[in-house]
Amino acid sequence: MTPQQIKENLNQYKWEKWLARPFGAFLMSTFTSVSNIRNIGIDAEMIGFIYQRGFWYFSHEVYEDFASQLEKWMAENDKTIFDITLSCKKFYEKSKKEILKMVKEDRADKNDMIKLEAIFKGCSAYIWLAHGLEEIYMGRLKKEVPKYWAGDPVLFIGDISFPKKKNAHVIFEEKLRSSESLLKIQKQFGWMRIRDSFEDPFSIEELKELREKVKKEKKVPVKKVKAPKEIKQLVEETKELVFYRTYRTDVFYELLFLARPIFKKYGKKLGLEFQEMRNCRIEDLINGVVKKYPHLVTAAQYKSDYAFFDEDVVLEEKLSSEEIRGSIAFMGVAKGIVKIVGSVKDLSKVGDGDVLVTNMTTPNYLVAMQRAIAFVTDEGGGLPATLLSLRGR
């Protein structure tokens, strides 16, 4: 299928700007698993995706279709989100073992790159699954919660869905509060600062600053809300989904970080510095082809065909407003100088008492978050409330 045909097929659906992500050609070429999610044992697939100039785009039609297939597979096979989390965990453990073996053996040939490509496309399949699962579980909750709760169902869902399991972010905070050495914490959690696989991990200086500020802050207890017994099982599964949302991206970013020595060594064989690989497709590199794409790529996929584009795939709707509306995570009033942060390169702009404005409060922004008095984001918090509350006042 030609790029033009991909574009025409995708534009049968309505798309809207959704999530800001700093992905280059390398990462984008690993997200083409929408058409082969069956490779991880789940009989469902998405129609396609659009990633345009640093933003993922969303289509209700496409995601509802995907959710419908996924829900059918879960019903026919008696599966829940717990089974999918377990599958992702097994995939992570097996993949981590394989990557560490390659690193230890100092391997970096074409076959190793092919194996890594398969691993990261598997990771992205688990990432795509979360979006279908959110459609399923949020649909069920929005239908059931009003039967037992007279207030705002969205706020109630947020209160009852706090995960039971500790994800990497919570464990990271606990380590910072402990007496464990920063070198050990850096080795275990340095990757959490990286969100495009080519940034630098947490430095010892950054971890020292984080530790000092985290220890000064009081931990805010999680608000406990009892779910009606009629939807208790649904709530338990939703808590697992909230955990899974973070877990599946943690798996992706940690494995990417662990594979860096292999990428660096392979890149040198092609005459590429590690940072240059960011703008190359992984399949091109496997074939020994060095082709660099723009820093902010536009890519799209329809069924099994995908392509990179020099033009926009979907036209953006122009909006103008003098007012900002949204949901408030922590009630109160904050006043400070606004600092807009687009990437970790801008973190030094944020000083104590500033208002941090960014796309989402992911772990790589922790240093700036500790300095800021308040956050304004395009998306819901990517961190559990225990971390968001550190400066939510």
Protein backbone atom coordinates (compact mmCIF):
# COMPACT_ATOMS: atom_id res chain seq x y z
CA MET A 1 0.00 0.00 0.00
CA THR A 2 1.37 3.42 -0.95
CA PRO A 3 1.72 6.25 1.62
CA GLN A 4 -1.11 8.08 -0.14
CA GLN A 5 -3.39 5.06 0.18
CA ILE A 6 -2.52 4.74 3.87
CA LYS A 7 -3.42 8.40 4.33
CA GLU A 8 -6.71 8.07 2.45
CA ASN A 9 -7.77 4.98 4.39
CA LEU A 10 -6.99 6.55 7.76
CA ASN A 11 -8.86 9.73 6.90
CA GLN A 12 -12.07 7.72 6.67
CA TYR A 13 -12.04 8.15 10.44
CA LYS A 14 -12.10 11.27 12.57
CA TRP A 15 -8.80 11.95 14.37
CA GLU A 16 -7.93 14.47 17.08
CA LYS A 17 -4.63 15.50 18.68
CA TRP A 18 -4.13 13.40 21.76
CA LEU A 19 -0.77 12.71 23.44
CA ALA A 20 2.54 14.57 23.13
CA ARG A 21 5.51 12.20 22.92
CA PRO A 22 9.10 12.99 21.81
CA PHE A 23 9.54 9.93 19.59
CA GLY A 24 11.99 9.83 16.70
CA ALA A 25 12.10 7.45 13.75
CA PHE A 26 13.78 4.70 15.80
CA LEU A 27 11.03 4.41 18.39
CA MET A 28 8.25 4.96 15.88
CA SER A 29 9.44 2.01 13.84
CA THR A 30 8.87 -0.22 16.89
CA PHE A 31 5.23 0.85 17.31
CA THR A 32 4.00 -0.91 14.17
CA SER A 33 2.67 -3.84 16.20
CA VAL A 34 -0.95 -2.62 15.97
CA SER A 35 -1.58 -5.17 13.20
CA ASN A 36 0.14 -8.12 14.88
CA ILE A 37 -0.90 -8.04 18.53
CA ARG A 38 -1.70 -11.70 17.94
CA ASN A 39 2.06 -12.28 18.25
CA ILE A 40 1.70 -11.94 22.03
CA GLY A 41 -1.23 -14.37 22.08
CA ILE A 42 -4.18 -11.97 21.95
CA ASP A 43 -6.62 -12.18 19.05
CA ALA A 44 -7.24 -8.49 18.37
CA GLU A 45 -5.76 -5.74 16.23
CA MET A 46 -6.09 -2.02 15.66
CA ILE A 47 -7.00 -0.50 12.32
CA GLY A 48 -4.00 1.80 12.50
CA PHE A 49 -2.43 4.88 14.06
CA ILE A 50 -1.30 8.43 13.28
CA TYR A 51 1.73 10.07 14.88
CA GLN A 52 2.22 13.59 13.59
CA ARG A 53 5.00 16.04 14.51
CA GLY A 54 5.41 14.87 18.09
CA PHE A 55 1.78 13.99 18.83
CA TRP A 56 -0.25 10.80 18.81
CA TYR A 57 -3.73 11.22 17.37
CA PHE A 58 -6.88 9.54 18.69
CA SER A 59 -9.93 8.16 16.89
CA HIS A 60 -12.99 7.01 18.85
CA GLU A 61 -14.02 4.74 15.97
CA VAL A 62 -10.63 3.05 15.78
CA TYR A 63 -10.25 2.56 19.53
CA GLU A 64 -13.83 1.38 20.03
CA ASP A 65 -13.34 -1.19 17.27
CA PHE A 66 -10.14 -2.39 18.95
CA ALA A 67 -11.86 -2.54 22.37
CA SER A 68 -14.72 -4.56 20.90
CA GLN A 69 -12.31 -7.18 19.53
CA LEU A 70 -10.36 -7.28 22.78
CA GLU A 71 -13.48 -7.62 24.92
CA LYS A 72 -14.72 -10.48 22.75
CA TRP A 73 -11.37 -12.29 23.07
CA MET A 74 -11.39 -11.82 26.85
CA ALA A 75 -14.93 -13.18 27.16
CA GLU A 76 -14.32 -16.18 24.91
CA ASN A 77 -11.10 -17.10 26.72
CA ASP A 78 -12.22 -16.19 30.25
CA LYS A 79 -9.45 -13.58 30.59
CA THR A 80 -9.21 -10.39 32.64
CA ILE A 81 -6.68 -7.61 33.03
CA PHE A 82 -4.88 -9.77 35.61
CA ASP A 83 -4.05 -12.32 32.91
CA ILE A 84 -2.71 -9.60 30.62
CA THR A 85 -0.54 -8.12 33.38
CA LEU A 86 0.87 -11.58 34.10
CA SER A 87 1.57 -12.12 30.40
CA CYS A 88 3.41 -8.78 30.24
CA LYS A 89 5.42 -9.68 33.35
CA LYS A 90 6.55 -13.00 31.83
CA PHE A 91 7.42 -11.22 28.58
CA TYR A 92 9.49 -8.68 30.53
CA GLU A 93 11.40 -11.30 32.51
CA LYS A 94 12.19 -13.37 29.42
CA SER A 95 13.20 -10.31 27.36
CA LYS A 96 15.37 -8.84 30.14
CA LYS A 97 17.22 -12.13 30.50
CA GLU A 98 17.84 -12.30 26.74
CA ILE A 99 19.07 -8.68 26.52
CA LEU A 100 21.41 -9.03 29.49
CA LYS A 101 22.83 -12.18 27.93
CA MET A 102 23.56 -10.32 24.68
CA VAL A 103 25.19 -7.47 26.61
CA LYS A 104 27.32 -9.84 28.68
CA GLU A 105 28.48 -11.67 25.54
CA ASP A 106 29.28 -8.28 23.97
CA ARG A 107 27.14 -9.10 20.96
CA ALA A 108 25.83 -6.60 18.42
CA ASP A 109 25.26 -8.17 15.00
CA LYS A 110 22.32 -8.19 12.59
CA ASN A 111 20.68 -11.19 14.26
CA ASP A 112 20.84 -9.45 17.65
CA MET A 113 19.15 -6.38 16.19
CA ILE A 114 16.43 -8.57 14.69
CA LYS A 115 15.83 -10.09 18.13
CA LEU A 116 15.70 -6.65 19.72
CA GLU A 117 13.27 -5.43 17.09
CA ALA A 118 10.95 -8.35 17.94
CA ILE A 119 11.27 -7.61 21.67
CA PHE A 120 10.40 -3.93 21.32
CA LYS A 121 7.54 -4.57 18.94
CA GLY A 122 6.27 -6.99 21.58
CA CYS A 123 6.61 -4.20 24.16
CA SER A 124 4.61 -1.83 21.98
CA ALA A 125 1.89 -4.48 21.55
CA TYR A 126 1.43 -4.48 25.33
CA ILE A 127 1.41 -0.68 25.24
CA TRP A 128 -1.35 -0.60 22.62
CA LEU A 129 -3.41 -3.07 24.69
CA ALA A 130 -3.85 -0.56 27.51
CA HIS A 131 -5.82 1.78 25.26
CA GLY A 132 -8.31 -0.94 24.34
CA LEU A 133 -8.57 -2.00 27.97
CA GLU A 134 -9.26 1.57 29.08
CA GLU A 135 -12.15 1.77 26.62
CA ILE A 136 -13.56 -1.47 28.07
CA TYR A 137 -13.19 -0.75 31.77
CA MET A 138 -14.06 2.94 31.69
CA GLY A 139 -17.15 2.09 29.67
CA ARG A 140 -18.22 -0.44 32.29
CA LEU A 141 -17.52 1.93 35.20
CA LYS A 142 -19.35 4.88 33.66
CA LYS A 143 -22.34 2.62 33.22
CA GLU A 144 -22.29 1.06 36.70
CA VAL A 145 -21.01 3.80 39.06
CA PRO A 146 -24.02 6.19 38.65
CA LYS A 147 -26.22 3.39 40.01
CA TYR A 148 -24.44 3.65 43.37
CA TRP A 149 -22.98 7.18 43.44
CA ALA A 150 -24.86 10.46 43.07
CA GLY A 151 -21.81 12.71 42.64
CA ASP A 152 -19.33 13.17 39.80
CA PRO A 153 -18.65 9.63 38.51
CA VAL A 154 -15.25 10.57 37.09
CA LEU A 155 -13.97 11.76 40.49
CA PHE A 156 -15.39 8.69 42.19
CA ILE A 157 -13.74 6.39 39.65
CA GLY A 158 -10.43 8.15 40.28
CA ASP A 159 -10.76 7.63 44.04
CA ILE A 160 -11.68 3.93 43.89
CA SER A 161 -9.14 2.94 41.22
CA PHE A 162 -5.86 3.69 43.01
CA PRO A 163 -3.73 0.58 42.38
CA LYS A 164 -2.85 -1.91 45.11
CA LYS A 165 0.47 -2.89 43.57
CA LYS A 166 3.55 -0.70 43.82
CA ASN A 167 4.97 0.31 40.46
CA ALA A 168 8.55 1.39 39.79
CA HIS A 169 7.75 5.04 40.57
CA VAL A 170 6.52 4.26 44.08
CA ILE A 171 9.47 1.95 44.79
CA PHE A 172 11.82 4.64 43.47
CA GLU A 173 10.40 7.16 45.93
CA GLU A 174 10.73 4.68 48.79
CA LYS A 175 14.38 4.10 47.88
CA LEU A 176 15.02 7.84 47.90
CA ARG A 177 13.51 8.09 51.38
CA SER A 178 15.67 5.19 52.58
CA SER A 179 19.40 5.09 53.32
CA GLU A 180 20.23 3.08 50.22
CA SER A 181 23.23 4.40 48.27
CA LEU A 182 22.54 6.74 45.36
CA LEU A 183 24.82 4.66 43.14
CA LYS A 184 22.63 1.63 43.72
CA ILE A 185 19.46 3.65 43.11
CA GLN A 186 20.98 5.08 39.93
CA LYS A 187 21.78 1.59 38.65
CA GLN A 188 18.27 0.36 39.35
CA PHE A 189 16.20 3.41 38.44
CA GLY A 190 18.36 5.72 36.31
CA TRP A 191 16.33 4.71 33.24
CA MET A 192 13.22 6.40 34.63
CA ARG A 193 14.50 9.78 33.45
CA ILE A 194 14.49 8.60 29.83
CA ARG A 195 11.40 8.95 27.67
CA ASP A 196 12.71 8.77 24.09
CA SER A 197 15.39 6.13 24.79
CA PHE A 198 18.19 8.54 23.83
CA GLU A 199 18.20 10.91 26.82
CA ASP A 200 20.57 10.61 29.76
CA PRO A 201 19.63 8.65 32.90
CA PHE A 202 19.38 10.31 36.32
CA SER A 203 22.74 11.66 37.44
CA ILE A 204 23.97 11.31 41.02
CA GLU A 205 23.56 15.08 41.43
CA GLU A 206 19.92 14.92 40.35
CA LEU A 207 19.23 11.97 42.65
CA LYS A 208 20.86 13.83 45.53
CA GLU A 209 18.60 16.84 44.94
CA LEU A 210 15.55 14.58 44.70
CA ARG A 211 16.46 12.75 47.89
CA GLU A 212 16.87 15.99 49.84
CA LYS A 213 13.52 17.34 48.73
CA VAL A 214 11.59 14.06 48.99
CA LYS A 215 12.76 13.56 52.58
CA LYS A 216 11.52 17.04 53.53
CA GLU A 217 8.05 16.37 52.15
CA LYS A 218 5.33 14.65 54.13
CA LYS A 219 3.78 11.63 52.51
CA VAL A 220 0.12 12.23 51.72
CA PRO A 221 -2.02 9.21 52.58
CA VAL A 222 -4.04 7.69 49.77
CA LYS A 223 -7.72 8.52 50.00
CA LYS A 224 -9.55 5.28 50.75
CA VAL A 225 -13.01 4.90 49.26
CA LYS A 226 -15.02 1.73 49.71
CA ALA A 227 -16.51 0.41 46.51
CA PRO A 228 -20.10 -0.89 46.52
CA LYS A 229 -20.06 -4.69 46.77
CA GLU A 230 -22.04 -4.97 43.55
CA ILE A 231 -19.06 -3.62 41.55
CA LYS A 232 -16.24 -4.79 43.79
CA GLN A 233 -14.75 -7.15 41.18
CA LEU A 234 -14.96 -4.48 38.49
CA VAL A 235 -13.16 -2.03 40.79
CA GLU A 236 -10.43 -4.58 41.58
CA GLU A 237 -9.83 -5.10 37.87
CA THR A 238 -9.75 -1.35 37.30
CA LYS A 239 -7.08 -0.96 40.00
CA GLU A 240 -5.03 -3.56 38.15
CA LEU A 241 -5.51 -1.66 34.90
CA VAL A 242 -4.21 1.56 36.50
CA PHE A 243 -1.13 -0.38 37.61
CA TYR A 244 -0.77 -1.94 34.16
CA ARG A 245 -0.88 1.44 32.41
CA THR A 246 2.37 2.44 34.08
CA TYR A 247 3.89 -1.05 34.21
CA ARG A 248 3.78 -1.68 30.46
CA THR A 249 5.66 1.55 29.67
CA ASP A 250 8.14 0.87 32.49
CA VAL A 251 8.89 -2.45 30.81
CA PHE A 252 9.45 -0.72 27.46
CA TYR A 253 11.75 2.03 28.75
CA GLU A 254 13.79 -0.19 31.06
CA LEU A 255 14.43 -2.78 28.34
CA LEU A 256 15.39 -0.02 25.90
CA PHE A 257 17.88 1.29 28.43
CA LEU A 258 19.36 -2.14 29.06
CA ALA A 259 19.81 -2.66 25.31
CA ARG A 260 21.81 0.56 24.86
CA PRO A 261 25.24 -1.13 24.79
CA ILE A 262 24.06 -3.30 21.89
CA PHE A 263 22.64 -0.35 19.98
CA LYS A 264 25.80 1.69 20.52
CA LYS A 265 28.10 -1.07 19.33
CA TYR A 266 25.94 -1.85 16.30
CA GLY A 267 25.69 1.85 15.44
CA LYS A 268 29.48 2.18 15.39
CA LYS A 269 29.63 -0.57 12.78
CA LEU A 270 27.46 1.65 10.57
CA GLY A 271 29.46 4.79 11.38
CA LEU A 272 26.73 6.22 13.60
CA GLU A 273 26.95 7.83 17.00
CA PHE A 274 24.30 6.60 19.44
CA GLN A 275 22.32 9.87 19.36
CA GLU A 276 22.18 9.71 15.55
CA MET A 277 20.33 6.40 15.72
CA ARG A 278 17.32 8.22 17.19
CA ASN A 279 16.35 9.45 13.73
CA CYS A 280 16.81 6.14 11.89
CA ARG A 281 14.27 3.34 11.49
CA ILE A 282 15.30 0.10 13.17
CA GLU A 283 14.54 -2.00 10.07
CA ASP A 284 16.81 0.24 7.98
CA LEU A 285 19.63 -0.19 10.46
CA ILE A 286 19.15 -3.96 10.46
CA ASN A 287 19.58 -3.90 6.69
CA GLY A 288 22.69 -1.74 6.96
CA VAL A 289 20.92 1.32 5.55
CA VAL A 290 21.65 4.70 7.15
CA LYS A 291 18.76 7.04 6.41
CA LYS A 292 18.02 9.88 8.80
CA TYR A 293 14.55 11.30 9.25
CA PRO A 294 13.55 14.71 10.71
CA HIS A 295 13.69 15.08 14.51
CA LEU A 296 9.87 15.30 14.71
CA VAL A 297 8.66 12.64 12.32
CA THR A 298 5.18 12.00 10.99
CA ALA A 299 4.27 8.33 10.67
CA ALA A 300 1.04 6.44 10.09
CA GLN A 301 -0.10 2.87 9.74
CA TYR A 302 -3.20 1.29 8.19
CA LYS A 303 -3.57 -2.42 8.91
CA SER A 304 -0.20 -4.04 8.06
CA ASP A 305 1.24 -1.10 6.07
CA TYR A 306 3.02 1.89 7.55
CA ALA A 307 5.02 4.81 6.20
CA PHE A 308 6.77 8.03 7.18
CA PHE A 309 5.47 11.25 5.64
CA ASP A 310 6.90 14.61 4.63
CA GLU A 311 3.44 16.18 4.99
CA ASP A 312 0.64 16.07 7.57
CA VAL A 313 -1.57 12.98 7.46
CA VAL A 314 -4.50 14.70 9.16
CA LEU A 315 -5.43 18.38 9.20
CA GLU A 316 -5.33 19.99 12.63
CA GLU A 317 -8.34 21.85 13.96
CA LYS A 318 -7.41 25.41 14.96
CA LEU A 319 -8.76 26.43 18.35
CA SER A 320 -8.56 29.77 20.11
CA SER A 321 -9.57 30.58 23.66
CA GLU A 322 -8.68 32.97 26.46
CA GLU A 323 -9.66 30.43 29.08
CA ILE A 324 -8.16 27.14 30.22
CA ARG A 325 -10.46 24.47 31.63
CA GLY A 326 -9.65 21.12 33.14
CA SER A 327 -9.83 18.80 36.13
CA ILE A 328 -8.15 19.75 39.42
CA ALA A 329 -6.20 16.99 41.12
CA PHE A 330 -5.48 18.99 44.30
CA MET A 331 -7.76 21.82 45.38
CA GLY A 332 -6.16 25.11 46.36
CA VAL A 333 -4.54 28.26 45.03
CA ALA A 334 -0.99 28.58 43.72
CA LYS A 335 0.81 31.59 42.34
CA GLY A 336 4.11 31.60 40.50
CA ILE A 337 5.98 32.29 37.29
CA VAL A 338 4.89 29.95 34.51
CA LYS A 339 7.67 27.83 32.99
CA ILE A 340 6.76 25.77 29.91
CA VAL A 341 8.78 22.56 29.69
CA GLY A 342 8.75 20.58 26.47
CA SER A 343 11.53 18.10 27.26
CA VAL A 344 14.13 17.24 29.88
CA LYS A 345 16.46 19.74 28.21
CA ASP A 346 14.22 22.50 29.63
CA LEU A 347 14.22 21.29 33.25
CA SER A 348 16.80 23.84 34.37
CA LYS A 349 14.30 26.62 33.52
CA VAL A 350 12.14 25.64 36.50
CA GLY A 351 13.05 27.22 39.82
CA ASP A 352 11.60 26.93 43.31
CA GLY A 353 8.03 28.24 43.40
CA ASP A 354 7.46 28.26 39.62
CA VAL A 355 4.36 26.83 37.93
CA LEU A 356 5.36 23.90 35.73
CA VAL A 357 3.42 23.64 32.46
CA THR A 358 4.05 20.47 30.46
CA ASN A 359 2.33 17.64 28.61
CA MET A 360 2.40 15.15 31.48
CA THR A 361 4.20 14.70 34.81
CA THR A 362 6.30 11.68 33.89
CA PRO A 363 9.30 10.53 36.01
CA ASN A 364 11.85 12.28 33.81
CA TYR A 365 10.41 15.61 35.05
CA LEU A 366 10.80 14.78 38.75
CA VAL A 367 13.61 17.28 39.33
CA ALA A 368 11.46 20.14 38.01
CA MET A 369 8.37 18.85 39.79
CA GLN A 370 10.16 19.03 43.12
CA ARG A 371 10.94 22.70 42.53
CA ALA A 372 7.51 23.72 41.20
CA ILE A 373 4.65 24.91 43.37
CA ALA A 374 1.98 23.61 40.96
CA PHE A 375 1.63 21.69 37.70
CA VAL A 376 -0.57 22.32 34.66
CA THR A 377 -0.61 19.42 32.21
CA ASP A 378 -2.28 18.42 28.96
CA GLU A 379 -2.79 14.88 30.21
CA GLY A 380 -3.66 13.13 33.43
CA GLY A 381 -0.77 12.49 35.79
CA GLY A 382 1.59 9.76 34.70
CA LEU A 383 2.68 9.24 38.32
CA PRO A 384 0.81 7.86 41.30
CA ALA A 385 -0.66 10.36 43.71
CA THR A 386 2.08 9.73 46.25
CA LEU A 387 4.51 11.53 43.98
CA LEU A 388 2.14 14.08 42.52
CA SER A 389 1.22 15.22 46.00
CA LEU A 390 4.78 16.22 46.79
CA ARG A 391 4.17 19.66 45.33
CA GLY A 392 0.39 19.59 44.97
CA ARG A 393 -0.50 22.34 47.35
